[in-house]
């Protein structure tokens, strides 16, 4: 069973490669979607990811939620049912 997570409060200069590396340390990331400002096309500090195994997703939440990444206190939580994009 897959695990879908929401992440937010990330440093605005974080890149998709850095985020993928961070989350991949916990298991296979099958989808990473980052929210961007529609005009400037810059990362706005939040996104959605899906991991191939819900146990890996749970470990990711346990270790990363409330931690610091690139100087920002980050939030990583389960995505509510029905959330398909950010």
Protein backbone atom coordinates (compact mmCIF):
# COMPACT_ATOMS: atom_id res chain seq x y z
CA UNK A 1 0.00 0.00 0.00
CA UNK A 2 1.35 3.43 -0.92
CA UNK A 3 1.64 6.41 1.39
CA UNK A 4 0.72 9.92 0.28
CA UNK A 5 2.20 12.83 2.25
CA UNK A 6 1.89 16.60 2.32
CA UNK A 7 4.95 18.67 3.13
CA UNK A 8 5.10 22.37 3.91
CA UNK A 9 7.15 25.17 5.46
CA UNK A 10 10.21 24.21 3.41
CA UNK A 11 12.88 26.76 2.55
CA UNK A 12 11.90 28.51 -0.69
CA UNK A 13 15.32 27.83 -2.23
CA UNK A 14 15.02 24.06 -1.78
CA UNK A 15 15.26 22.27 -5.13
CA UNK A 16 13.30 19.26 -6.31
CA UNK A 17 16.58 17.28 -6.29
CA UNK A 18 17.21 18.17 -2.64
CA UNK A 19 13.66 17.24 -1.70
CA UNK A 20 13.83 13.96 -3.58
CA UNK A 21 17.10 13.09 -1.83
CA UNK A 22 15.64 13.96 1.59
CA UNK A 23 12.52 11.83 1.14
CA UNK A 24 14.27 8.98 -0.71
CA UNK A 25 16.35 8.31 2.39
CA UNK A 26 13.18 6.71 3.80
CA UNK A 27 12.15 4.64 0.77
CA UNK A 28 11.08 4.77 -2.85
CA UNK A 29 9.40 8.02 -3.85
CA UNK A 30 6.98 7.29 -6.70
CA UNK A 31 5.71 10.85 -7.11
CA UNK A 32 6.97 14.27 -6.04
CA UNK A 33 4.88 17.33 -6.83
CA UNK A 34 6.04 20.74 -5.66
CA UNK A 35 3.77 23.77 -5.55
CA UNK A 36 4.97 26.75 -7.55
CA UNK A 37 3.91 30.38 -7.73
CA UNK A 38 1.86 30.58 -10.96
CA UNK A 39 3.51 33.83 -12.09
CA UNK A 40 7.11 33.52 -10.93
CA UNK A 41 7.21 29.70 -11.16
CA UNK A 42 9.16 29.55 -7.88
CA UNK A 43 8.76 26.88 -5.23
CA UNK A 44 6.37 28.10 -2.53
CA UNK A 45 7.57 25.74 0.21
CA UNK A 46 4.99 22.98 0.02
CA UNK A 47 4.09 19.93 -2.00
CA UNK A 48 2.81 16.40 -2.21
CA UNK A 49 4.70 13.15 -2.40
CA UNK A 50 3.83 9.52 -2.68
CA UNK A 51 5.97 6.67 -1.43
CA UNK A 52 5.66 3.08 -2.63
CA UNK A 53 5.25 1.71 0.91
CA UNK A 54 3.08 3.22 3.63
CA UNK A 55 5.51 1.99 6.30
CA UNK A 56 8.27 4.03 4.69
CA UNK A 57 5.92 7.02 4.58
CA UNK A 58 5.15 6.59 8.29
CA UNK A 59 8.89 6.51 9.09
CA UNK A 60 9.37 9.65 6.99
CA UNK A 61 6.68 11.48 8.98
CA UNK A 62 8.09 10.28 12.29
CA UNK A 63 11.62 11.49 11.51
CA UNK A 64 10.97 14.62 9.46
CA UNK A 65 7.82 16.24 10.84
CA UNK A 66 8.94 19.11 13.08
CA UNK A 67 12.59 18.76 12.09
CA UNK A 68 14.81 21.40 10.45
CA UNK A 69 15.83 21.35 6.81
CA UNK A 70 17.88 24.13 5.25
CA UNK A 71 17.19 26.27 8.31
CA UNK A 72 13.39 25.88 8.23
CA UNK A 73 11.15 23.98 10.63
CA UNK A 74 9.27 21.63 8.31
CA UNK A 75 5.97 19.80 8.41
CA UNK A 76 5.42 16.36 6.88
CA UNK A 77 1.98 14.79 7.43
CA UNK A 78 -0.41 12.28 5.87
CA UNK A 79 -2.31 13.78 2.95
CA UNK A 80 -6.07 13.84 3.52
CA UNK A 81 -8.10 11.38 1.48
CA UNK A 82 -8.92 12.70 -1.96
CA UNK A 83 -5.97 15.11 -2.25
CA UNK A 84 -4.51 14.57 -5.72
CA UNK A 85 -2.41 17.68 -6.23
CA UNK A 86 -1.11 20.86 -4.58
